[in-house]
Amino acid sequence: MTNFAIYGRELKTGLNADPGTADIKVIGDRFSIGAFLVAPIWCIWHGLWLELAALFGIAVVLAFATVLVGEDAAGWLGLAVAVLLGLEAGAIRSRALERKGYTLIADVAAPGREAAERLWVRARLAQKATFRNTNPTPIV
């Protein structure tokens, strides 16, 4: 089972938009193979431009570190950075979403992303139905 963070942001209402609709993102808290193997492409795929700039900065520092500590040590440092990025990929995406105006709605434990979405929607609908049924309005 993986923990999933569900983030939401209210959409701007327009002429055809339903009030109260939200843009939902589901982020898994697990190791990301894409972030580990191809970090620049992973950053571009998820729109993490600030993180991509930081990654290039780290690459430049590691390039200069080869002169000071040697190529082998700089290679191990690069591997350590890649492993750290793979481990913290979910947290990095979560912080980026918070910068874009998303707020954490819920945490869900589920075997997969789709299952987490279904569990959250089911709980949300049950919550609305319970709220609606507890306060019936009398018809006079």
C-alpha atoms as a PDB file:
ATOM      1  CA  MET A   1       0.000   0.000   0.000  1.00  0.00           C
ATOM      2  CA  THR A   2       1.223   3.443  -0.884  1.00  0.00           C
ATOM      3  CA  ASN A   3       0.251   6.734   0.700  1.00  0.00           C
ATOM      4  CA  PHE A   4      -1.159   9.232  -1.769  1.00  0.00           C
ATOM      5  CA  ALA A   5      -1.571  12.946  -1.143  1.00  0.00           C
ATOM      6  CA  ILE A   6      -4.557  14.525  -2.874  1.00  0.00           C
ATOM      7  CA  TYR A   7      -4.180  18.193  -3.736  1.00  0.00           C
ATOM      8  CA  GLY A   8      -6.911  20.453  -5.049  1.00  0.00           C
ATOM      9  CA  ARG A   9      -7.385  23.948  -6.385  1.00  0.00           C
ATOM     10  CA  GLU A  10     -10.633  25.724  -7.112  1.00  0.00           C
ATOM     11  CA  LEU A  11     -11.107  26.448 -10.779  1.00  0.00           C
ATOM     12  CA  LYS A  12     -12.007  29.918 -11.937  1.00  0.00           C
ATOM     13  CA  THR A  13     -15.689  30.061 -12.686  1.00  0.00           C
ATOM     14  CA  GLY A  14     -16.656  31.026 -16.184  1.00  0.00           C
ATOM     15  CA  LEU A  15     -19.895  31.044 -18.096  1.00  0.00           C
ATOM     16  CA  ASN A  16     -19.995  27.251 -18.525  1.00  0.00           C
ATOM     17  CA  ALA A  17     -18.121  26.209 -15.365  1.00  0.00           C
ATOM     18  CA  ASP A  18     -19.834  24.512 -12.454  1.00  0.00           C
ATOM     19  CA  PRO A  19     -19.334  26.335  -9.145  1.00  0.00           C
ATOM     20  CA  GLY A  20     -17.280  24.366  -6.659  1.00  0.00           C
ATOM     21  CA  THR A  21     -15.374  22.322  -9.226  1.00  0.00           C
ATOM     22  CA  ALA A  22     -11.732  21.719  -8.429  1.00  0.00           C
ATOM     23  CA  ASP A  23      -8.570  20.677 -10.208  1.00  0.00           C
ATOM     24  CA  ILE A  24      -7.328  17.547  -8.413  1.00  0.00           C
ATOM     25  CA  LYS A  25      -3.788  16.108  -8.433  1.00  0.00           C
ATOM     26  CA  VAL A  26      -2.817  12.807  -6.807  1.00  0.00           C
ATOM     27  CA  ILE A  27       0.814  12.419  -5.698  1.00  0.00           C
ATOM     28  CA  GLY A  28       2.233   9.077  -4.556  1.00  0.00           C
ATOM     29  CA  ASP A  29       4.738   8.917  -1.715  1.00  0.00           C
ATOM     30  CA  ARG A  30       7.074   6.312  -3.195  1.00  0.00           C
ATOM     31  CA  PHE A  31      10.370   5.948  -5.029  1.00  0.00           C
ATOM     32  CA  SER A  32      10.249   7.415  -8.537  1.00  0.00           C
ATOM     33  CA  ILE A  33      12.266   5.494 -11.124  1.00  0.00           C
ATOM     34  CA  GLY A  34      11.834   8.341 -13.631  1.00  0.00           C
ATOM     35  CA  ALA A  35      13.243  10.925 -11.238  1.00  0.00           C
ATOM     36  CA  PHE A  36      16.150   8.594 -10.449  1.00  0.00           C
ATOM     37  CA  LEU A  37      17.091   7.654 -14.022  1.00  0.00           C
ATOM     38  CA  VAL A  38      16.181  10.697 -16.142  1.00  0.00           C
ATOM     39  CA  ALA A  39      15.781  13.591 -13.725  1.00  0.00           C
ATOM     40  CA  PRO A  40      15.777  16.452 -16.285  1.00  0.00           C
ATOM     41  CA  ILE A  41      13.065  14.798 -18.389  1.00  0.00           C
ATOM     42  CA  TRP A  42      11.062  14.013 -15.227  1.00  0.00           C
ATOM     43  CA  CYS A  43      11.270  17.681 -14.176  1.00  0.00           C
ATOM     44  CA  ILE A  44      10.136  18.883 -17.613  1.00  0.00           C
ATOM     45  CA  TRP A  45       7.312  16.303 -17.719  1.00  0.00           C
ATOM     46  CA  HIS A  46       5.892  17.557 -14.413  1.00  0.00           C
ATOM     47  CA  GLY A  47       6.554  21.259 -15.078  1.00  0.00           C
ATOM     48  CA  LEU A  48       9.111  21.598 -12.289  1.00  0.00           C
ATOM     49  CA  TRP A  49      11.124  24.453 -13.795  1.00  0.00           C
ATOM     50  CA  LEU A  50      12.635  25.744 -10.556  1.00  0.00           C
ATOM     51  CA  GLU A  51      13.698  22.225  -9.626  1.00  0.00           C
ATOM     52  CA  LEU A  52      15.188  21.742 -13.109  1.00  0.00           C
ATOM     53  CA  ALA A  53      17.299  24.882 -12.637  1.00  0.00           C
ATOM     54  CA  ALA A  54      18.441  23.588  -9.237  1.00  0.00           C
ATOM     55  CA  LEU A  55      19.315  20.244 -10.806  1.00  0.00           C
ATOM     56  CA  PHE A  56      21.484  21.948 -13.426  1.00  0.00           C
ATOM     57  CA  GLY A  57      23.131  23.963 -10.653  1.00  0.00           C
ATOM     58  CA  ILE A  58      23.937  20.753  -8.797  1.00  0.00           C
ATOM     59  CA  ALA A  59      25.345  19.253 -12.007  1.00  0.00           C
ATOM     60  CA  VAL A  60      27.644  22.259 -12.434  1.00  0.00           C
ATOM     61  CA  VAL A  61      28.824  21.974  -8.819  1.00  0.00           C
ATOM     62  CA  LEU A  62      29.480  18.248  -9.311  1.00  0.00           C
ATOM     63  CA  ALA A  63      31.447  19.004 -12.489  1.00  0.00           C
ATOM     64  CA  PHE A  64      33.693  21.363 -10.549  1.00  0.00           C
ATOM     65  CA  ALA A  65      33.893  18.871  -7.674  1.00  0.00           C
ATOM     66  CA  THR A  66      35.641  16.378  -9.944  1.00  0.00           C
ATOM     67  CA  VAL A  67      38.732  18.603  -9.785  1.00  0.00           C
ATOM     68  CA  LEU A  68      38.707  18.687  -5.980  1.00  0.00           C
ATOM     69  CA  VAL A  69      37.633  15.183  -4.984  1.00  0.00           C
ATOM     70  CA  GLY A  70      38.294  13.139  -8.135  1.00  0.00           C
ATOM     71  CA  GLU A  71      36.057  11.564 -10.726  1.00  0.00           C
ATOM     72  CA  ASP A  72      35.126   8.510  -8.668  1.00  0.00           C
ATOM     73  CA  ALA A  73      33.978  10.501  -5.654  1.00  0.00           C
ATOM     74  CA  ALA A  74      32.054  12.959  -7.855  1.00  0.00           C
ATOM     75  CA  GLY A  75      30.357   9.994  -9.544  1.00  0.00           C
ATOM     76  CA  TRP A  76      29.288   8.613  -6.173  1.00  0.00           C
ATOM     77  CA  LEU A  77      28.015  12.067  -5.178  1.00  0.00           C
ATOM     78  CA  GLY A  78      26.017  12.194  -8.415  1.00  0.00           C
ATOM     79  CA  LEU A  79      24.539   8.787  -7.658  1.00  0.00           C
ATOM     80  CA  ALA A  80      23.640   9.944  -4.147  1.00  0.00           C
ATOM     81  CA  VAL A  81      21.874  13.006  -5.580  1.00  0.00           C
ATOM     82  CA  ALA A  82      19.954  10.783  -8.034  1.00  0.00           C
ATOM     83  CA  VAL A  83      18.865   8.395  -5.259  1.00  0.00           C
ATOM     84  CA  LEU A  84      17.794  11.321  -3.074  1.00  0.00           C
ATOM     85  CA  LEU A  85      15.805  12.796  -5.954  1.00  0.00           C
ATOM     86  CA  GLY A  86      14.109   9.445  -6.556  1.00  0.00           C
ATOM     87  CA  LEU A  87      13.216   9.110  -2.877  1.00  0.00           C
ATOM     88  CA  GLU A  88      11.935  12.669  -2.485  1.00  0.00           C
ATOM     89  CA  ALA A  89      10.130  12.951  -5.842  1.00  0.00           C
ATOM     90  CA  GLY A  90       6.666  12.993  -4.265  1.00  0.00           C
ATOM     91  CA  ALA A  91       7.625  15.670  -1.743  1.00  0.00           C
ATOM     92  CA  ILE A  92       9.207  17.789  -4.484  1.00  0.00           C
ATOM     93  CA  ARG A  93       6.050  17.606  -6.593  1.00  0.00           C
ATOM     94  CA  SER A  94       3.909  18.384  -3.518  1.00  0.00           C
ATOM     95  CA  ARG A  95       5.879  21.545  -2.749  1.00  0.00           C
ATOM     96  CA  ALA A  96       5.667  22.622  -6.383  1.00  0.00           C
ATOM     97  CA  LEU A  97       1.869  22.184  -6.330  1.00  0.00           C
ATOM     98  CA  GLU A  98       1.629  24.226  -3.124  1.00  0.00           C
ATOM     99  CA  ARG A  99       3.569  27.034  -4.831  1.00  0.00           C
ATOM    100  CA  LYS A 100       1.009  26.913  -7.667  1.00  0.00           C
ATOM    101  CA  GLY A 101      -1.912  27.419  -5.273  1.00  0.00           C
ATOM    102  CA  TYR A 102      -2.967  23.841  -4.556  1.00  0.00           C
ATOM    103  CA  THR A 103      -3.868  22.782  -1.035  1.00  0.00           C
ATOM    104  CA  LEU A 104      -3.655  19.365   0.560  1.00  0.00           C
ATOM    105  CA  ILE A 105      -7.151  17.901   0.706  1.00  0.00           C
ATOM    106  CA  ALA A 106      -6.564  14.373   1.969  1.00  0.00           C
ATOM    107  CA  ASP A 107      -4.109  11.540   2.433  1.00  0.00           C
ATOM    108  CA  VAL A 108      -5.232   8.140   1.156  1.00  0.00           C
ATOM    109  CA  ALA A 109      -3.559   4.738   1.484  1.00  0.00           C
ATOM    110  CA  ALA A 110      -4.219   2.626  -1.600  1.00  0.00           C
ATOM    111  CA  PRO A 111      -2.488   0.069  -3.807  1.00  0.00           C
ATOM    112  CA  GLY A 112      -2.458   2.392  -6.828  1.00  0.00           C
ATOM    113  CA  ARG A 113      -3.191   5.915  -8.043  1.00  0.00           C
ATOM    114  CA  GLU A 114      -6.580   5.051  -9.569  1.00  0.00           C
ATOM    115  CA  ALA A 115      -7.640   3.215  -6.422  1.00  0.00           C
ATOM    116  CA  ALA A 116      -6.661   6.262  -4.352  1.00  0.00           C
ATOM    117  CA  GLU A 117      -8.798   8.495  -6.562  1.00  0.00           C
ATOM    118  CA  ARG A 118     -11.769   6.127  -6.278  1.00  0.00           C
ATOM    119  CA  LEU A 119     -11.435   5.892  -2.488  1.00  0.00           C
ATOM    120  CA  TRP A 120     -11.260   9.663  -2.156  1.00  0.00           C
ATOM    121  CA  VAL A 121     -14.268  10.251  -4.440  1.00  0.00           C
ATOM    122  CA  ARG A 122     -16.270   7.568  -2.606  1.00  0.00           C
ATOM    123  CA  ALA A 123     -15.438   9.130   0.777  1.00  0.00           C
ATOM    124  CA  ARG A 124     -16.233  12.604  -0.541  1.00  0.00           C
ATOM    125  CA  LEU A 125     -19.632  11.510  -1.867  1.00  0.00           C
ATOM    126  CA  ALA A 126     -20.441   9.686   1.378  1.00  0.00           C
ATOM    127  CA  GLN A 127     -19.487  12.791   3.347  1.00  0.00           C
ATOM    128  CA  LYS A 128     -21.788  14.987   1.230  1.00  0.00           C
ATOM    129  CA  ALA A 129     -24.646  12.476   1.530  1.00  0.00           C
ATOM    130  CA  THR A 130     -24.221  12.256   5.316  1.00  0.00           C
ATOM    131  CA  PHE A 131     -24.107  16.017   5.645  1.00  0.00           C
ATOM    132  CA  ARG A 132     -27.182  16.405   3.471  1.00  0.00           C
ATOM    133  CA  ASN A 133     -29.186  13.805   5.416  1.00  0.00           C
ATOM    134  CA  THR A 134     -28.348  15.040   8.922  1.00  0.00           C
ATOM    135  CA  ASN A 135     -29.912  18.457   8.428  1.00  0.00           C
ATOM    136  CA  PRO A 136     -33.169  17.970   6.550  1.00  0.00           C
ATOM    137  CA  THR A 137     -34.998  21.176   5.799  1.00  0.00           C
ATOM    138  CA  PRO A 138     -38.694  21.008   6.637  1.00  0.00           C
ATOM    139  CA  ILE A 139     -41.120  21.899   3.889  1.00  0.00           C
ATOM    140  CA  VAL A 140     -43.885  24.166   5.134  1.00  0.00           C
END
